[in-house]
């Protein structure tokens, strides 16, 4: 099916300036809100399945989960992962044309294996480039950034989609790079903000976000944010792709043919580097975003406990024997570890003239401790 653009961008004979970031965002917002219901309906489906699995996992503690429940949760998360891939294809398909949620997902199933194969080649080439001192990996990522759209709109598979994407970017590398890095910076900023919010703001509503439901609440909110944000990102890429393609369409015949062997060599290098990278990551112990968020929550809890202990000491001229003495006057609920739900380690030191409260961090498996006089991170016990 030919693409029915709703942006009405016209091709030119020369290589004019790429669409400005302000015009890019203006076009994205126009498309996003013109058919918000369709985009939301496509992106919410994998999130809904994920949420059902998360609820089941939340209401059945690890010690109470049966084998059938475990298999059900695993199946739901696998279905959610598959739907996540299909939703990306469906969104790309739906952006420039009037369609329905069912039709978009029906189309996505026909392109699933081609999309996965293209994604695998992309990943291998980017990893292969990263092995060559990082910068080549960034260059490759920019070259191949429109291959998924070429697969859907121009029906070019595998390496042909990669070659076409590189041809589009040729002559526009730095303008394309700048427009790609801009939303990435926004995503990182949003991730940092949410990390701070979950790490420190949760204590302001601790009567709602207890140790048991903290992880459920934070991960669910992040999933909800992605439901709204994913269509925006896909439309952003589409508008950039469409503007770039319209500017290059009449000069494509003059472009030199790509050497498929060089692409294959980079893919092989990426295939070799991935298991090496995974092995190094497991040895070094690179923390995931969820681990970082939980460690931020632990730091926040320790600071909150410290402030309440000081209030207790001001009132009674002594430190509490246990953290349970802080409730209900100083805490509605005593903070607990966001992963295990266990109480933080607390003890009286200096013959009753001081205290120490500690938590073991997941990011480096070392304890972080706060005392009556100072904060000691990674303290050996």
Protein backbone atom coordinates (compact mmCIF):
# COMPACT_ATOMS: atom_id res chain seq x y z
CA UNK A 1 0.00 0.00 0.00
CA UNK A 2 1.40 3.42 -0.93
CA UNK A 3 2.09 5.82 1.88
CA UNK A 4 -0.60 8.47 2.25
CA UNK A 5 1.26 11.33 3.89
CA UNK A 6 -0.66 13.70 6.12
CA UNK A 7 2.22 16.18 6.15
CA UNK A 8 2.25 17.04 2.41
CA UNK A 9 6.04 17.44 2.12
CA UNK A 10 7.23 17.91 -1.47
CA UNK A 11 10.48 16.54 -2.96
CA UNK A 12 13.08 18.97 -4.34
CA UNK A 13 15.94 18.73 -6.81
CA UNK A 14 18.62 19.95 -4.41
CA UNK A 15 19.65 19.19 -0.85
CA UNK A 16 18.07 22.00 1.18
CA UNK A 17 18.28 22.29 4.91
CA UNK A 18 16.60 19.56 6.90
CA UNK A 19 13.43 20.41 8.76
CA UNK A 20 14.18 22.51 11.85
CA UNK A 21 13.71 21.05 15.31
CA UNK A 22 10.91 23.53 16.07
CA UNK A 23 9.04 22.63 12.86
CA UNK A 24 9.74 18.97 13.54
CA UNK A 25 8.11 19.15 16.97
CA UNK A 26 5.24 21.20 15.57
CA UNK A 27 4.50 18.53 12.96
CA UNK A 28 4.84 15.75 15.53
CA UNK A 29 2.38 17.39 17.91
CA UNK A 30 -0.08 17.95 15.06
CA UNK A 31 0.00 14.28 14.04
CA UNK A 32 0.07 12.99 17.63
CA UNK A 33 -3.10 14.77 18.74
CA UNK A 34 -4.94 14.45 15.43
CA UNK A 35 -5.33 10.67 16.00
CA UNK A 36 -4.34 10.26 19.63
CA UNK A 37 -6.99 7.58 20.24
CA UNK A 38 -5.57 5.32 17.52
CA UNK A 39 -1.97 5.67 18.70
CA UNK A 40 -2.93 5.18 22.34
CA UNK A 41 -5.00 2.10 21.49
CA UNK A 42 -2.07 0.52 19.65
CA UNK A 43 0.51 1.24 22.36
CA UNK A 44 -1.68 0.34 25.36
CA UNK A 45 -2.21 -3.31 24.39
CA UNK A 46 1.25 -4.68 25.38
CA UNK A 47 1.16 -2.52 28.49
CA UNK A 48 -2.22 -3.92 29.51
CA UNK A 49 -1.01 -7.52 29.22
CA UNK A 50 2.15 -6.62 31.14
CA UNK A 51 0.04 -4.97 33.85
CA UNK A 52 -2.08 -8.11 34.32
CA UNK A 53 1.10 -10.16 34.84
CA UNK A 54 2.44 -7.54 37.24
CA UNK A 55 -0.76 -7.58 39.31
CA UNK A 56 -0.66 -11.37 39.59
CA UNK A 57 3.00 -11.24 40.59
CA UNK A 58 2.25 -8.50 43.14
CA UNK A 59 -0.64 -10.27 44.86
CA UNK A 60 1.16 -13.60 45.03
CA UNK A 61 4.34 -13.27 47.14
CA UNK A 62 7.28 -15.51 46.09
CA UNK A 63 6.66 -17.94 48.95
CA UNK A 64 3.00 -18.36 47.93
CA UNK A 65 3.36 -18.73 44.15
CA UNK A 66 2.45 -22.10 42.67
CA UNK A 67 3.90 -23.55 39.48
CA UNK A 68 0.76 -22.75 37.40
CA UNK A 69 0.79 -19.13 38.61
CA UNK A 70 4.50 -18.81 37.80
CA UNK A 71 3.94 -20.21 34.30
CA UNK A 72 0.99 -17.86 33.78
CA UNK A 73 3.06 -14.81 34.78
CA UNK A 74 5.92 -15.88 32.49
CA UNK A 75 3.49 -16.44 29.63
CA UNK A 76 1.91 -13.01 30.11
CA UNK A 77 5.30 -11.28 30.10
CA UNK A 78 6.31 -13.18 26.94
CA UNK A 79 3.06 -12.19 25.23
CA UNK A 80 3.63 -8.60 26.34
CA UNK A 81 7.13 -8.64 24.83
CA UNK A 82 5.78 -9.97 21.52
CA UNK A 83 3.00 -7.38 21.50
CA UNK A 84 5.57 -4.66 22.18
CA UNK A 85 7.35 -5.52 18.94
CA UNK A 86 4.07 -5.75 17.04
CA UNK A 87 2.94 -2.40 18.47
CA UNK A 88 6.04 -0.66 17.08
CA UNK A 89 5.32 -2.06 13.60
CA UNK A 90 1.63 -1.15 13.95
CA UNK A 91 2.49 2.42 14.96
CA UNK A 92 4.85 2.88 12.01
CA UNK A 93 2.14 1.54 9.71
CA UNK A 94 -0.62 3.73 11.21
CA UNK A 95 1.17 7.09 11.31
CA UNK A 96 0.67 8.24 7.68
CA UNK A 97 -2.67 6.60 6.87
CA UNK A 98 -6.24 6.27 8.16
CA UNK A 99 -6.57 2.81 9.68
CA UNK A 100 -7.87 0.94 12.72
CA UNK A 101 -6.14 -0.75 15.64
CA UNK A 102 -7.12 -4.20 14.34
CA UNK A 103 -5.90 -3.47 10.81
CA UNK A 104 -2.62 -2.03 12.10
CA UNK A 105 -1.92 -5.11 14.24
CA UNK A 106 -2.98 -7.41 11.41
CA UNK A 107 -0.44 -5.73 9.15
CA UNK A 108 2.25 -5.93 11.88
CA UNK A 109 1.97 -9.73 12.02
CA UNK A 110 2.79 -9.94 8.30
CA UNK A 111 6.00 -7.95 8.85
CA UNK A 112 7.03 -9.47 12.18
CA UNK A 113 9.83 -11.77 10.99
CA UNK A 114 11.20 -9.21 8.53
CA UNK A 115 11.19 -6.62 11.31
CA UNK A 116 12.95 -8.96 13.75
CA UNK A 117 15.56 -9.91 11.13
CA UNK A 118 16.18 -6.24 10.36
CA UNK A 119 16.44 -5.49 14.08
CA UNK A 120 18.97 -8.28 14.52
CA UNK A 121 21.14 -6.97 11.67
CA UNK A 122 20.87 -3.44 13.09
CA UNK A 123 21.92 -4.60 16.54
CA UNK A 124 24.87 -6.62 15.25
CA UNK A 125 26.13 -3.75 13.10
CA UNK A 126 25.85 -1.21 15.91
CA UNK A 127 27.66 -3.52 18.33
CA UNK A 128 30.27 -4.20 15.69
CA UNK A 129 30.78 -0.46 15.25
CA UNK A 130 30.95 0.13 19.01
CA UNK A 131 33.78 -2.40 19.27
CA UNK A 132 35.77 -0.15 16.90
CA UNK A 133 36.23 2.50 19.63
CA UNK A 134 32.58 3.58 20.03
CA UNK A 135 32.38 6.38 17.44
CA UNK A 136 31.89 4.01 14.45
CA UNK A 137 28.98 2.47 16.36
CA UNK A 138 27.33 5.89 16.72
CA UNK A 139 27.90 6.56 13.02
CA UNK A 140 26.34 3.22 12.07
CA UNK A 141 23.36 3.85 14.38
CA UNK A 142 22.66 7.16 12.60
CA UNK A 143 23.07 5.58 9.17
CA UNK A 144 20.57 2.82 9.94
CA UNK A 145 18.08 4.88 11.95
CA UNK A 146 15.40 4.88 9.22
CA UNK A 147 15.64 1.23 8.13
CA UNK A 148 12.46 0.19 9.97
CA UNK A 149 10.44 2.88 8.17
CA UNK A 150 11.93 1.83 4.83
CA UNK A 151 10.90 -1.76 5.57
CA UNK A 152 7.28 -0.76 6.24
CA UNK A 153 6.78 2.05 3.70
CA UNK A 154 9.09 1.00 0.84
CA UNK A 155 8.91 -2.79 1.34
CA UNK A 156 12.70 -3.24 1.31
CA UNK A 157 13.99 -6.04 3.53
CA UNK A 158 17.26 -6.77 5.32
CA UNK A 159 20.40 -5.20 3.90
CA UNK A 160 18.46 -3.36 1.18
CA UNK A 161 16.64 -1.36 3.87
CA UNK A 162 19.98 -0.62 5.56
CA UNK A 163 21.55 0.54 2.28
CA UNK A 164 18.59 2.82 1.56
CA UNK A 165 18.70 4.31 5.06
CA UNK A 166 22.41 5.07 4.71
CA UNK A 167 21.78 6.63 1.29
CA UNK A 168 19.13 8.91 2.79
CA UNK A 169 21.47 10.05 5.56
CA UNK A 170 24.40 10.68 3.22
CA UNK A 171 24.98 14.44 3.08
CA UNK A 172 22.82 15.02 6.16
CA UNK A 173 24.73 13.09 8.82
CA UNK A 174 25.23 15.85 11.39
CA UNK A 175 21.75 17.41 10.96
CA UNK A 176 20.22 13.93 11.36
CA UNK A 177 22.47 13.15 14.33
CA UNK A 178 21.46 16.38 16.06
CA UNK A 179 17.76 15.72 15.56
CA UNK A 180 18.09 12.15 16.80
CA UNK A 181 20.13 13.02 19.89
CA UNK A 182 17.66 15.72 20.96
CA UNK A 183 14.76 13.39 21.94
CA UNK A 184 17.28 10.94 23.42
CA UNK A 185 18.45 13.72 25.73
CA UNK A 186 14.82 14.35 26.69
CA UNK A 187 14.32 10.64 27.46
CA UNK A 188 17.42 10.55 29.66
CA UNK A 189 16.29 13.71 31.44
CA UNK A 190 12.82 12.23 32.00
CA UNK A 191 14.36 8.98 33.27
CA UNK A 192 16.53 10.92 35.70
CA UNK A 193 13.54 12.93 36.90
CA UNK A 194 11.47 9.79 37.48
CA UNK A 195 14.42 8.17 39.26
CA UNK A 196 14.65 11.14 41.62
CA UNK A 197 10.87 11.15 42.04
CA UNK A 198 10.73 7.46 42.97
CA UNK A 199 13.91 7.65 45.02
CA UNK A 200 13.03 10.66 47.16
CA UNK A 201 9.45 11.74 46.55
CA UNK A 202 7.92 8.45 47.61
CA UNK A 203 8.56 9.24 51.27
CA UNK A 204 6.13 12.16 50.99
CA UNK A 205 3.31 9.66 50.32
CA UNK A 206 4.67 6.71 52.25
CA UNK A 207 1.21 5.84 53.52
CA UNK A 208 0.44 4.84 49.92
CA UNK A 209 3.84 3.68 48.66
CA UNK A 210 4.92 1.14 51.25
CA UNK A 211 7.88 -1.19 50.94
CA UNK A 212 5.68 -3.94 49.51
CA UNK A 213 4.06 -1.96 46.70
CA UNK A 214 6.86 0.49 45.86
CA UNK A 215 8.36 -1.56 43.04
CA UNK A 216 4.89 -2.30 41.63
CA UNK A 217 3.90 1.38 41.67
CA UNK A 218 7.13 2.71 40.13
CA UNK A 219 7.36 0.10 37.36
CA UNK A 220 3.66 0.55 36.52
CA UNK A 221 4.05 4.31 36.26
CA UNK A 222 7.08 3.92 34.00
CA UNK A 223 5.08 1.54 31.80
CA UNK A 224 2.24 4.07 31.61
CA UNK A 225 4.66 6.83 30.63
CA UNK A 226 6.02 4.64 27.82
CA UNK A 227 2.48 4.09 26.50
CA UNK A 228 2.13 7.84 25.91
CA UNK A 229 5.73 8.46 24.91
CA UNK A 230 6.29 5.65 22.38
CA UNK A 231 3.85 7.03 19.74
CA UNK A 232 5.43 10.47 20.10
CA UNK A 233 8.92 9.07 19.45
CA UNK A 234 7.75 6.99 16.48
CA UNK A 235 5.98 10.00 14.93
CA UNK A 236 9.11 12.09 15.51
CA UNK A 237 11.19 9.56 13.59
CA UNK A 238 8.56 9.33 10.86
CA UNK A 239 8.45 13.09 10.26
CA UNK A 240 12.25 13.20 10.12
CA UNK A 241 12.33 10.20 7.75
CA UNK A 242 9.64 11.67 5.49
CA UNK A 243 11.31 15.06 5.29
CA UNK A 244 14.70 13.49 4.56
CA UNK A 245 13.32 11.09 1.94
CA UNK A 246 11.47 13.87 0.14
CA UNK A 247 14.69 15.86 -0.10
CA UNK A 248 16.77 12.96 -1.39
CA UNK A 249 14.31 11.16 -3.69
CA UNK A 250 15.49 12.81 -6.92
CA UNK A 251 19.18 12.35 -6.17
CA UNK A 252 19.07 8.67 -5.18
CA UNK A 253 19.98 7.41 -8.67
CA UNK A 254 23.36 9.15 -8.46
CA UNK A 255 24.27 7.48 -5.17
CA UNK A 256 27.04 4.84 -5.30
CA UNK A 257 26.06 1.25 -4.55
CA UNK A 258 26.92 -0.06 -1.11
CA UNK A 259 29.37 -2.88 -0.49
CA UNK A 260 27.39 -5.65 1.17
CA UNK A 261 30.57 -7.44 2.26
CA UNK A 262 31.61 -4.58 4.55
CA UNK A 263 28.17 -4.64 6.21
CA UNK A 264 28.43 -8.40 6.73
CA UNK A 265 31.90 -8.07 8.26
CA UNK A 266 30.62 -5.49 10.75
CA UNK A 267 27.70 -7.81 11.58
CA UNK A 268 30.11 -10.67 12.26
CA UNK A 269 32.18 -8.41 14.49
CA UNK A 270 29.00 -7.49 16.36
CA UNK A 271 28.01 -11.15 16.69
CA UNK A 272 31.39 -11.87 18.28
CA UNK A 273 31.29 -8.82 20.54
CA UNK A 274 27.83 -9.35 22.07
CA UNK A 275 28.69 -12.44 24.19
CA UNK A 276 31.94 -10.73 25.21
CA UNK A 277 30.01 -7.63 26.27
CA UNK A 278 27.49 -9.74 28.23
CA UNK A 279 30.31 -11.58 29.99
CA UNK A 280 32.07 -8.34 30.92
CA UNK A 281 28.79 -6.82 32.13
CA UNK A 282 28.10 -9.82 34.37
CA UNK A 283 31.63 -9.67 35.80
CA UNK A 284 31.60 -5.90 36.38
CA UNK A 285 27.98 -5.95 37.49
CA UNK A 286 26.49 -3.07 35.47
CA UNK A 287 23.26 -2.17 37.30
CA UNK A 288 19.91 -1.97 35.53
CA UNK A 289 17.64 1.07 35.76
CA UNK A 290 15.35 -0.73 38.25
CA UNK A 291 18.36 -1.49 40.47
CA UNK A 292 19.40 2.16 40.37
CA UNK A 293 15.87 3.30 41.27
CA UNK A 294 15.71 0.88 44.22
CA UNK A 295 19.12 2.02 45.47
CA UNK A 296 17.94 5.64 45.26
CA UNK A 297 14.92 4.63 47.34
CA UNK A 298 17.23 3.02 49.91
CA UNK A 299 19.33 6.18 50.20
CA UNK A 300 16.16 8.23 50.56
CA UNK A 301 14.84 5.89 53.26
CA UNK A 302 18.07 6.14 55.24
CA UNK A 303 17.96 9.93 55.17
CA UNK A 304 14.31 9.88 56.18
CA UNK A 305 15.02 7.48 59.04
CA UNK A 306 17.92 9.67 60.17
CA UNK A 307 15.69 12.77 60.36
CA UNK A 308 13.00 10.91 62.35
CA UNK A 309 15.56 9.48 64.77
CA UNK A 310 16.85 12.99 65.42
CA UNK A 311 13.30 14.15 66.19
CA UNK A 312 12.91 11.16 68.53
CA UNK A 313 16.19 12.10 70.24
CA UNK A 314 15.13 15.73 70.66
CA UNK A 315 11.91 14.63 72.36
CA UNK A 316 13.32 11.87 74.60
CA UNK A 317 17.04 12.66 74.93
CA UNK A 318 17.92 9.13 73.82
CA UNK A 319 17.97 7.05 70.66
CA UNK A 320 15.33 4.38 69.98
CA UNK A 321 16.21 0.78 70.73
CA UNK A 322 14.59 -0.29 67.43
CA UNK A 323 13.04 1.44 64.44
CA UNK A 324 9.61 0.19 65.49
CA UNK A 325 9.62 2.83 68.23
CA UNK A 326 9.37 5.52 65.54
CA UNK A 327 5.80 4.50 64.67
CA UNK A 328 3.18 5.84 64.74
CA UNK A 329 4.35 9.27 66.01
CA UNK A 330 7.30 9.79 63.63
CA UNK A 331 6.40 7.36 60.83
CA UNK A 332 3.05 6.10 59.58
CA UNK A 333 4.95 3.09 58.26
CA UNK A 334 8.56 2.31 58.99
CA UNK A 335 10.46 2.27 55.65
CA UNK A 336 11.57 -1.15 54.48
CA UNK A 337 13.80 -2.42 51.71
CA UNK A 338 11.96 -1.90 48.35
CA UNK A 339 13.00 -5.33 47.05
CA UNK A 340 12.91 -7.70 50.02
CA UNK A 341 10.44 -5.86 52.25
CA UNK A 342 12.78 -6.42 55.22
CA UNK A 343 13.57 -3.78 57.82
CA UNK A 344 16.81 -1.83 57.48
CA UNK A 345 19.64 -2.81 59.82
CA UNK A 346 19.68 -0.60 62.89
CA UNK A 347 21.79 -0.69 66.04
CA UNK A 348 22.82 1.48 68.97
CA UNK A 349 26.53 2.34 69.11
CA UNK A 350 28.91 4.33 71.39
CA UNK A 351 27.27 2.98 74.52
CA UNK A 352 23.94 4.52 73.65
CA UNK A 353 25.31 7.87 72.48
CA UNK A 354 24.92 7.11 68.78
CA UNK A 355 23.25 4.87 66.23
CA UNK A 356 23.86 3.30 62.85
CA UNK A 357 21.28 2.37 60.20
CA UNK A 358 22.38 0.50 57.09
CA UNK A 359 21.08 -0.90 53.82
CA UNK A 360 22.78 -3.23 51.38
CA UNK A 361 22.88 -1.73 47.89
CA UNK A 362 22.18 -3.88 44.84
CA UNK A 363 24.44 -1.88 42.53
CA UNK A 364 27.64 -2.98 44.26
CA UNK A 365 26.37 -5.37 46.97
CA UNK A 366 27.99 -3.16 49.63
CA UNK A 367 26.21 -1.59 52.59
CA UNK A 368 25.50 2.13 52.80
CA UNK A 369 25.25 3.36 56.39
CA UNK A 370 24.14 6.52 58.14
CA UNK A 371 25.19 7.26 61.71
CA UNK A 372 24.25 9.88 64.25
CA UNK A 373 27.17 12.03 63.11
CA UNK A 374 27.90 11.24 59.44
CA UNK A 375 26.94 9.35 56.25
CA UNK A 376 29.21 6.47 55.37
CA UNK A 377 28.80 4.83 51.98
CA UNK A 378 30.19 1.43 51.11
CA UNK A 379 31.25 0.96 54.71
CA UNK A 380 32.79 -2.36 55.54
CA UNK A 381 31.09 -4.10 58.37
